[in-house]
Amino acid sequence: MISRCLSVFALRRSWAWCALLLTLATRLAAADDLRLESFPYPFPVQTFALKSQRQDVEMSYMDLKPERTATATVVLLHGKNFSGAYWEETANALRAAGYRVVMPDQIGFGRASKPEHYQFTFQQLAQNTRALLQSLGITRAQPFYGIPASVK
């Protein structure tokens, strides 16, 4: 497609049109992977279906359990434009120390649903995370917010 685009538009000397078409083609290809299925995650990814803001959505998450009984549960929360996958180094260290580690992808990020119309408030994200933890039978957890070690 690219070579065809270049040859057709090169003849007309319309590089701007060619660039526009290439940009559109790239965006259409990227739209096929909105859930980041081709992006490698360090641990098995599961999904949690919920209804939020009158929409059926899914949160993706990774749930690492230590080899022995967990000391406690830590929830690693990503910031905007990140996903739970960035917590790999931190999650491995916590797991080795005996903690259960849950890393959710919030709605709109990572492998979670990306609804067209959604109010991304801290209250809504907290409610979604609470629903996920309840579905996993977790009643107490220590949240951790910050910049994952892998991106520092």
N, C-alpha and C. Protein backbone atom coordinates (compact mmCIF):
# COMPACT_ATOMS: atom_id res chain seq x y z
N MET A 1 0.82 -1.19 0.00
CA MET A 1 0.00 0.00 0.00
C MET A 1 0.86 1.25 0.00
N ILE A 2 1.92 1.24 0.79
CA ILE A 2 2.78 2.42 0.89
C ILE A 2 3.45 2.70 -0.45
N SER A 3 4.01 1.68 -1.09
CA SER A 3 4.68 1.90 -2.37
C SER A 3 3.69 2.37 -3.43
N ARG A 4 2.49 1.83 -3.37
CA ARG A 4 1.46 2.26 -4.33
C ARG A 4 1.11 3.72 -4.11
N CYS A 5 0.95 4.08 -2.86
CA CYS A 5 0.64 5.46 -2.50
C CYS A 5 1.75 6.38 -3.00
N LEU A 6 2.98 5.99 -2.74
CA LEU A 6 4.10 6.83 -3.13
C LEU A 6 4.18 6.98 -4.65
N SER A 7 3.98 5.88 -5.37
CA SER A 7 4.09 5.98 -6.83
C SER A 7 2.97 6.80 -7.44
N VAL A 8 1.74 6.61 -6.97
CA VAL A 8 0.61 7.35 -7.51
C VAL A 8 0.75 8.84 -7.20
N PHE A 9 1.04 9.14 -5.97
CA PHE A 9 1.08 10.55 -5.59
C PHE A 9 2.41 11.22 -5.95
N ALA A 10 3.46 10.43 -6.05
CA ALA A 10 4.73 11.01 -6.47
C ALA A 10 4.61 11.53 -7.90
N LEU A 11 3.87 10.80 -8.72
CA LEU A 11 3.66 11.26 -10.08
C LEU A 11 2.96 12.61 -10.12
N ARG A 12 2.10 12.81 -9.20
CA ARG A 12 1.36 14.08 -9.15
C ARG A 12 2.10 15.12 -8.30
N ARG A 13 3.19 14.69 -7.70
CA ARG A 13 4.00 15.57 -6.84
C ARG A 13 3.17 16.14 -5.70
N SER A 14 2.35 15.30 -5.15
CA SER A 14 1.49 15.71 -4.05
C SER A 14 1.87 14.95 -2.79
N TRP A 15 3.02 15.27 -2.28
CA TRP A 15 3.52 14.58 -1.09
C TRP A 15 2.64 14.83 0.12
N ALA A 16 2.00 15.96 0.17
CA ALA A 16 1.12 16.25 1.30
C ALA A 16 -0.03 15.25 1.35
N TRP A 17 -0.60 14.93 0.18
CA TRP A 17 -1.67 13.94 0.13
C TRP A 17 -1.17 12.56 0.53
N CYS A 18 0.00 12.23 0.08
CA CYS A 18 0.58 10.93 0.41
C CYS A 18 0.79 10.82 1.92
N ALA A 19 1.34 11.89 2.51
CA ALA A 19 1.56 11.90 3.96
C ALA A 19 0.25 11.78 4.71
N LEU A 20 -0.77 12.46 4.23
CA LEU A 20 -2.09 12.39 4.86
C LEU A 20 -2.64 10.97 4.80
N LEU A 21 -2.55 10.34 3.64
CA LEU A 21 -3.05 8.97 3.50
C LEU A 21 -2.27 8.00 4.37
N LEU A 22 -0.97 8.17 4.44
CA LEU A 22 -0.16 7.30 5.30
C LEU A 22 -0.53 7.48 6.77
N THR A 23 -0.77 8.71 7.17
CA THR A 23 -1.18 8.98 8.55
C THR A 23 -2.52 8.32 8.85
N LEU A 24 -3.46 8.45 7.94
CA LEU A 24 -4.77 7.83 8.13
C LEU A 24 -4.66 6.31 8.19
N ALA A 25 -3.86 5.74 7.31
CA ALA A 25 -3.68 4.28 7.31
C ALA A 25 -3.07 3.81 8.62
N THR A 26 -2.12 4.55 9.13
CA THR A 26 -1.48 4.21 10.40
C THR A 26 -2.48 4.28 11.54
N ARG A 27 -3.31 5.32 11.54
CA ARG A 27 -4.31 5.46 12.61
C ARG A 27 -5.36 4.36 12.54
N LEU A 28 -5.77 4.00 11.34
CA LEU A 28 -6.74 2.92 11.20
C LEU A 28 -6.16 1.60 11.68
N ALA A 29 -4.91 1.35 11.38
CA ALA A 29 -4.26 0.13 11.85
C ALA A 29 -4.15 0.14 13.36
N ALA A 30 -3.84 1.29 13.94
CA ALA A 30 -3.72 1.40 15.40
C ALA A 30 -5.08 1.22 16.08
N ALA A 31 -6.15 1.65 15.40
CA ALA A 31 -7.49 1.52 15.99
C ALA A 31 -7.87 0.06 16.18
N ASP A 32 -7.30 -0.82 15.39
CA ASP A 32 -7.56 -2.25 15.54
C ASP A 32 -6.98 -2.80 16.84
N ASP A 33 -6.05 -2.08 17.44
CA ASP A 33 -5.37 -2.58 18.64
C ASP A 33 -5.59 -1.62 19.82
N LEU A 34 -6.79 -1.09 19.95
CA LEU A 34 -7.08 -0.16 21.04
C LEU A 34 -6.91 -0.81 22.41
N ARG A 35 -7.05 -2.11 22.49
CA ARG A 35 -6.92 -2.82 23.76
C ARG A 35 -5.49 -3.30 24.00
N LEU A 36 -4.54 -2.86 23.17
CA LEU A 36 -3.11 -3.17 23.32
C LEU A 36 -2.83 -4.67 23.37
N GLU A 37 -3.57 -5.44 22.61
CA GLU A 37 -3.35 -6.88 22.59
C GLU A 37 -1.96 -7.25 22.08
N SER A 38 -1.38 -6.42 21.22
CA SER A 38 -0.06 -6.73 20.69
C SER A 38 1.07 -6.21 21.60
N PHE A 39 0.73 -5.44 22.61
CA PHE A 39 1.73 -4.93 23.56
C PHE A 39 1.99 -6.00 24.62
N PRO A 40 3.24 -6.39 24.79
CA PRO A 40 3.52 -7.48 25.75
C PRO A 40 3.34 -7.03 27.21
N TYR A 41 2.65 -7.83 27.96
CA TYR A 41 2.49 -7.60 29.40
C TYR A 41 3.36 -8.63 30.12
N PRO A 42 3.91 -8.27 31.28
CA PRO A 42 4.86 -9.17 31.96
C PRO A 42 4.21 -10.35 32.66
N PHE A 43 2.92 -10.28 32.95
CA PHE A 43 2.22 -11.32 33.70
C PHE A 43 0.89 -11.61 33.00
N PRO A 44 0.27 -12.75 33.31
CA PRO A 44 -1.04 -13.06 32.69
C PRO A 44 -2.07 -11.97 33.00
N VAL A 45 -2.82 -11.60 31.98
CA VAL A 45 -3.83 -10.55 32.10
C VAL A 45 -5.21 -11.18 32.15
N GLN A 46 -6.01 -10.69 33.09
CA GLN A 46 -7.40 -11.14 33.23
C GLN A 46 -8.31 -9.93 33.03
N THR A 47 -9.59 -10.18 32.84
CA THR A 47 -10.53 -9.07 32.67
C THR A 47 -11.62 -9.15 33.73
N PHE A 48 -12.11 -7.98 34.09
CA PHE A 48 -13.20 -7.84 35.05
C PHE A 48 -14.27 -6.99 34.37
N ALA A 49 -15.43 -7.59 34.12
CA ALA A 49 -16.54 -6.88 33.48
C ALA A 49 -17.36 -6.16 34.54
N LEU A 50 -17.71 -4.92 34.25
CA LEU A 50 -18.55 -4.16 35.17
C LEU A 50 -19.39 -3.16 34.39
N LYS A 51 -20.39 -2.63 35.08
CA LYS A 51 -21.21 -1.59 34.49
C LYS A 51 -20.79 -0.29 35.17
N SER A 52 -20.40 0.69 34.38
CA SER A 52 -19.93 1.96 34.90
C SER A 52 -20.47 3.07 34.01
N GLN A 53 -21.09 4.05 34.62
CA GLN A 53 -21.68 5.17 33.88
C GLN A 53 -22.62 4.68 32.79
N ARG A 54 -23.44 3.70 33.16
CA ARG A 54 -24.46 3.11 32.27
C ARG A 54 -23.87 2.44 31.04
N GLN A 55 -22.63 1.99 31.15
CA GLN A 55 -21.97 1.31 30.04
C GLN A 55 -21.37 0.00 30.53
N ASP A 56 -21.38 -0.99 29.67
CA ASP A 56 -20.68 -2.23 29.95
C ASP A 56 -19.22 -2.03 29.56
N VAL A 57 -18.33 -2.14 30.53
CA VAL A 57 -16.90 -1.94 30.29
C VAL A 57 -16.12 -3.08 30.94
N GLU A 58 -14.83 -3.15 30.62
CA GLU A 58 -13.96 -4.16 31.21
C GLU A 58 -12.66 -3.52 31.68
N MET A 59 -12.29 -3.88 32.89
CA MET A 59 -10.97 -3.52 33.38
C MET A 59 -10.09 -4.74 33.15
N SER A 60 -8.86 -4.51 32.77
CA SER A 60 -7.88 -5.58 32.70
C SER A 60 -7.03 -5.48 33.95
N TYR A 61 -6.49 -6.61 34.38
CA TYR A 61 -5.65 -6.56 35.58
C TYR A 61 -4.74 -7.77 35.61
N MET A 62 -3.67 -7.61 36.38
CA MET A 62 -2.76 -8.71 36.66
C MET A 62 -2.81 -8.93 38.17
N ASP A 63 -2.87 -10.18 38.58
CA ASP A 63 -2.99 -10.54 40.00
C ASP A 63 -1.88 -11.54 40.32
N LEU A 64 -0.85 -11.06 40.99
CA LEU A 64 0.29 -11.93 41.35
C LEU A 64 0.16 -12.36 42.80
N LYS A 65 0.21 -13.65 42.99
CA LYS A 65 0.15 -14.19 44.36
C LYS A 65 1.51 -14.76 44.71
N PRO A 66 1.95 -14.54 45.94
CA PRO A 66 3.25 -15.09 46.34
C PRO A 66 3.16 -16.61 46.50
N GLU A 67 4.31 -17.25 46.57
CA GLU A 67 4.34 -18.71 46.70
C GLU A 67 3.81 -19.17 48.06
N ARG A 68 3.98 -18.36 49.07
CA ARG A 68 3.45 -18.70 50.40
C ARG A 68 2.26 -17.78 50.69
N THR A 69 1.65 -17.90 51.84
CA THR A 69 0.52 -17.07 52.21
C THR A 69 0.93 -15.59 52.18
N ALA A 70 0.09 -14.78 51.56
CA ALA A 70 0.42 -13.36 51.38
C ALA A 70 0.47 -12.63 52.72
N THR A 71 1.48 -11.78 52.87
CA THR A 71 1.60 -10.91 54.03
C THR A 71 0.47 -9.89 54.03
N ALA A 72 0.23 -9.32 52.86
CA ALA A 72 -0.82 -8.33 52.64
C ALA A 72 -0.98 -8.18 51.13
N THR A 73 -1.93 -7.35 50.74
CA THR A 73 -2.14 -7.09 49.31
C THR A 73 -1.78 -5.65 49.01
N VAL A 74 -1.04 -5.48 47.93
CA VAL A 74 -0.68 -4.14 47.46
C VAL A 74 -1.31 -3.96 46.09
N VAL A 75 -1.92 -2.80 45.88
CA VAL A 75 -2.52 -2.45 44.59
C VAL A 75 -1.65 -1.38 43.96
N LEU A 76 -1.06 -1.70 42.82
CA LEU A 76 -0.21 -0.74 42.11
C LEU A 76 -1.04 -0.03 41.06
N LEU A 77 -1.22 1.27 41.24
CA LEU A 77 -2.09 2.06 40.37
C LEU A 77 -1.27 2.93 39.44
N HIS A 78 -1.53 2.80 38.16
CA HIS A 78 -0.81 3.60 37.17
C HIS A 78 -1.42 4.98 37.03
N GLY A 79 -0.68 5.89 36.44
CA GLY A 79 -1.19 7.22 36.15
C GLY A 79 -1.70 7.29 34.72
N LYS A 80 -2.04 8.48 34.30
CA LYS A 80 -2.54 8.66 32.94
C LYS A 80 -1.48 8.25 31.92
N ASN A 81 -1.96 7.69 30.84
CA ASN A 81 -1.13 7.26 29.71
C ASN A 81 -0.19 6.11 30.04
N PHE A 82 -0.43 5.42 31.12
CA PHE A 82 0.36 4.25 31.48
C PHE A 82 -0.58 3.06 31.64
N SER A 83 -0.02 1.93 31.94
CA SER A 83 -0.82 0.73 32.21
C SER A 83 -0.15 -0.03 33.35
N GLY A 84 -0.83 -1.07 33.81
CA GLY A 84 -0.26 -1.90 34.86
C GLY A 84 1.03 -2.59 34.46
N ALA A 85 1.25 -2.74 33.16
CA ALA A 85 2.44 -3.43 32.67
C ALA A 85 3.74 -2.74 33.09
N TYR A 86 3.68 -1.46 33.38
CA TYR A 86 4.89 -0.72 33.74
C TYR A 86 5.39 -1.04 35.14
N TRP A 87 4.61 -1.78 35.91
CA TRP A 87 4.97 -2.08 37.29
C TRP A 87 5.77 -3.38 37.45
N GLU A 88 6.25 -3.96 36.40
CA GLU A 88 6.87 -5.28 36.45
C GLU A 88 7.96 -5.40 37.52
N GLU A 89 8.91 -4.52 37.53
CA GLU A 89 10.03 -4.60 38.48
C GLU A 89 9.55 -4.48 39.93
N THR A 90 8.68 -3.53 40.17
CA THR A 90 8.14 -3.32 41.52
C THR A 90 7.31 -4.52 41.96
N ALA A 91 6.48 -5.04 41.05
CA ALA A 91 5.63 -6.18 41.36
C ALA A 91 6.45 -7.42 41.70
N ASN A 92 7.52 -7.65 40.96
CA ASN A 92 8.38 -8.80 41.25
C ASN A 92 9.02 -8.68 42.63
N ALA A 93 9.45 -7.49 42.99
CA ALA A 93 10.07 -7.28 44.31
C ALA A 93 9.04 -7.49 45.43
N LEU A 94 7.84 -6.96 45.26
CA LEU A 94 6.80 -7.13 46.28
C LEU A 94 6.38 -8.58 46.41
N ARG A 95 6.23 -9.25 45.30
CA ARG A 95 5.86 -10.67 45.32
C ARG A 95 6.92 -11.49 46.04
N ALA A 96 8.19 -11.21 45.75
CA ALA A 96 9.29 -11.93 46.40
C ALA A 96 9.30 -11.68 47.91
N ALA A 97 8.80 -10.52 48.31
CA ALA A 97 8.74 -10.18 49.74
C ALA A 97 7.49 -10.75 50.41
N GLY A 98 6.65 -11.46 49.65
CA GLY A 98 5.49 -12.12 50.24
C GLY A 98 4.16 -11.41 50.07
N TYR A 99 4.12 -10.38 49.24
CA TYR A 99 2.88 -9.65 49.04
C TYR A 99 2.11 -10.17 47.83
N ARG A 100 0.79 -10.09 47.93
CA ARG A 100 -0.05 -10.29 46.75
C ARG A 100 -0.09 -8.93 46.06
N VAL A 101 0.03 -8.92 44.74
CA VAL A 101 0.11 -7.67 44.00
C VAL A 101 -0.95 -7.65 42.90
N VAL A 102 -1.78 -6.62 42.94
CA VAL A 102 -2.81 -6.45 41.91
C VAL A 102 -2.49 -5.17 41.14
N MET A 103 -2.46 -5.30 39.82
CA MET A 103 -2.15 -4.16 38.94
C MET A 103 -3.26 -3.99 37.92
N PRO A 104 -4.22 -3.11 38.20
CA PRO A 104 -5.32 -2.93 37.25
C PRO A 104 -4.95 -1.93 36.15
N ASP A 105 -5.55 -2.14 34.99
CA ASP A 105 -5.56 -1.13 33.94
C ASP A 105 -6.90 -0.41 34.09
N GLN A 106 -6.84 0.87 34.40
CA GLN A 106 -8.07 1.63 34.58
C GLN A 106 -8.80 1.77 33.24
N ILE A 107 -10.11 1.98 33.32
CA ILE A 107 -10.91 2.21 32.12
C ILE A 107 -10.26 3.34 31.31
N GLY A 108 -10.10 3.08 30.03
CA GLY A 108 -9.50 4.09 29.16
C GLY A 108 -8.01 3.93 28.93
N PHE A 109 -7.38 2.99 29.66
CA PHE A 109 -5.93 2.84 29.56
C PHE A 109 -5.55 1.37 29.40
N GLY A 110 -4.38 1.13 28.85
CA GLY A 110 -3.87 -0.23 28.73
C GLY A 110 -4.83 -1.13 27.97
N ARG A 111 -5.07 -2.31 28.52
CA ARG A 111 -5.96 -3.28 27.86
C ARG A 111 -7.41 -3.16 28.30
N ALA A 112 -7.72 -2.15 29.09
CA ALA A 112 -9.11 -1.95 29.53
C ALA A 112 -9.95 -1.35 28.39
N SER A 113 -11.26 -1.38 28.58
CA SER A 113 -12.18 -0.76 27.61
C SER A 113 -11.85 0.71 27.45
N LYS A 114 -12.14 1.21 26.26
CA LYS A 114 -11.92 2.63 25.98
C LYS A 114 -13.20 3.22 25.43
N PRO A 115 -14.16 3.50 26.32
CA PRO A 115 -15.44 4.03 25.86
C PRO A 115 -15.28 5.44 25.27
N GLU A 116 -16.14 5.73 24.29
CA GLU A 116 -16.08 7.05 23.65
C GLU A 116 -16.43 8.17 24.60
N HIS A 117 -17.42 7.94 25.45
CA HIS A 117 -17.88 8.98 26.37
C HIS A 117 -17.76 8.45 27.79
N TYR A 118 -16.86 9.04 28.55
CA TYR A 118 -16.63 8.56 29.91
C TYR A 118 -16.05 9.70 30.74
N GLN A 119 -16.54 9.85 31.96
CA GLN A 119 -16.03 10.87 32.88
C GLN A 119 -14.93 10.25 33.73
N PHE A 120 -13.70 10.63 33.48
CA PHE A 120 -12.55 10.06 34.18
C PHE A 120 -12.28 10.84 35.46
N THR A 121 -13.11 10.61 36.48
CA THR A 121 -12.90 11.27 37.77
C THR A 121 -12.18 10.31 38.71
N PHE A 122 -11.49 10.87 39.68
CA PHE A 122 -10.83 10.01 40.67
C PHE A 122 -11.86 9.17 41.41
N GLN A 123 -13.01 9.74 41.68
CA GLN A 123 -14.08 9.00 42.37
C GLN A 123 -14.50 7.79 41.55
N GLN A 124 -14.69 7.97 40.23
CA GLN A 124 -15.12 6.85 39.38
C GLN A 124 -14.04 5.77 39.29
N LEU A 125 -12.79 6.19 39.12
CA LEU A 125 -11.70 5.22 39.05
C LEU A 125 -11.56 4.46 40.36
N ALA A 126 -11.77 5.15 41.48
CA ALA A 126 -11.70 4.49 42.79
C ALA A 126 -12.85 3.48 42.95
N GLN A 127 -14.05 3.85 42.50
CA GLN A 127 -15.19 2.93 42.57
C GLN A 127 -14.95 1.69 41.71
N ASN A 128 -14.39 1.89 40.53
CA ASN A 128 -14.09 0.75 39.65
C ASN A 128 -13.06 -0.17 40.29
N THR A 129 -12.02 0.42 40.88
CA THR A 129 -10.97 -0.38 41.52
C THR A 129 -11.53 -1.13 42.73
N ARG A 130 -12.37 -0.47 43.48
CA ARG A 130 -12.99 -1.14 44.63
C ARG A 130 -13.83 -2.33 44.19
N ALA A 131 -14.60 -2.15 43.12
CA ALA A 131 -15.42 -3.25 42.59
C ALA A 131 -14.54 -4.42 42.14
N LEU A 132 -13.42 -4.11 41.50
CA LEU A 132 -12.48 -5.16 41.08
C LEU A 132 -11.96 -5.91 42.29
N LEU A 133 -11.49 -5.19 43.30
CA LEU A 133 -10.93 -5.83 44.50
C LEU A 133 -11.98 -6.68 45.21
N GLN A 134 -13.21 -6.18 45.29
CA GLN A 134 -14.28 -6.97 45.92
C GLN A 134 -14.53 -8.25 45.14
N SER A 135 -14.46 -8.18 43.82
CA SER A 135 -14.69 -9.38 43.00
C SER A 135 -13.58 -10.42 43.23
N LEU A 136 -12.41 -9.96 43.64
CA LEU A 136 -11.28 -10.86 43.92
C LEU A 136 -11.26 -11.32 45.38
N GLY A 137 -12.24 -10.87 46.16
CA GLY A 137 -12.30 -11.25 47.57
C GLY A 137 -11.30 -10.50 48.44
N ILE A 138 -10.83 -9.37 47.98
CA ILE A 138 -9.86 -8.57 48.73
C ILE A 138 -10.61 -7.49 49.51
N THR A 139 -10.49 -7.55 50.83
CA THR A 139 -11.20 -6.58 51.67
C THR A 139 -10.28 -5.48 52.20
N ARG A 140 -8.98 -5.76 52.23
CA ARG A 140 -8.00 -4.77 52.68
C ARG A 140 -6.81 -4.80 51.73
N ALA A 141 -6.38 -3.60 51.33
CA ALA A 141 -5.23 -3.52 50.43
C ALA A 141 -4.52 -2.19 50.64
N GLN A 142 -3.25 -2.19 50.35
CA GLN A 142 -2.45 -0.97 50.43
C GLN A 142 -2.26 -0.44 49.01
N PRO A 143 -2.85 0.72 48.71
CA PRO A 143 -2.64 1.26 47.36
C PRO A 143 -1.27 1.92 47.25
N PHE A 144 -0.71 1.88 46.07
CA PHE A 144 0.55 2.57 45.81
C PHE A 144 0.43 3.31 44.50
N TYR A 145 0.66 4.60 44.58
CA TYR A 145 0.63 5.45 43.40
C TYR A 145 2.05 5.94 43.18
N GLY A 146 2.41 6.12 41.95
CA GLY A 146 3.73 6.66 41.70
C GLY A 146 4.21 6.33 40.31
N ILE A 147 5.46 6.58 40.11
CA ILE A 147 6.07 6.32 38.82
C ILE A 147 6.77 4.96 38.91
N PRO A 148 6.36 4.01 38.08
CA PRO A 148 7.00 2.70 38.11
C PRO A 148 8.50 2.81 37.87
N ALA A 149 9.24 1.94 38.48
CA ALA A 149 10.70 1.95 38.35
C ALA A 149 11.14 1.76 36.90
N SER A 150 10.33 1.09 36.11
CA SER A 150 10.71 0.82 34.72
C SER A 150 10.70 2.06 33.85
N VAL A 151 10.08 3.17 34.30
CA VAL A 151 10.05 4.37 33.47
C VAL A 151 10.84 5.53 34.08
N LYS A 152 11.52 5.29 35.19
CA LYS A 152 12.32 6.36 35.80
C LYS A 152 13.59 6.59 35.04
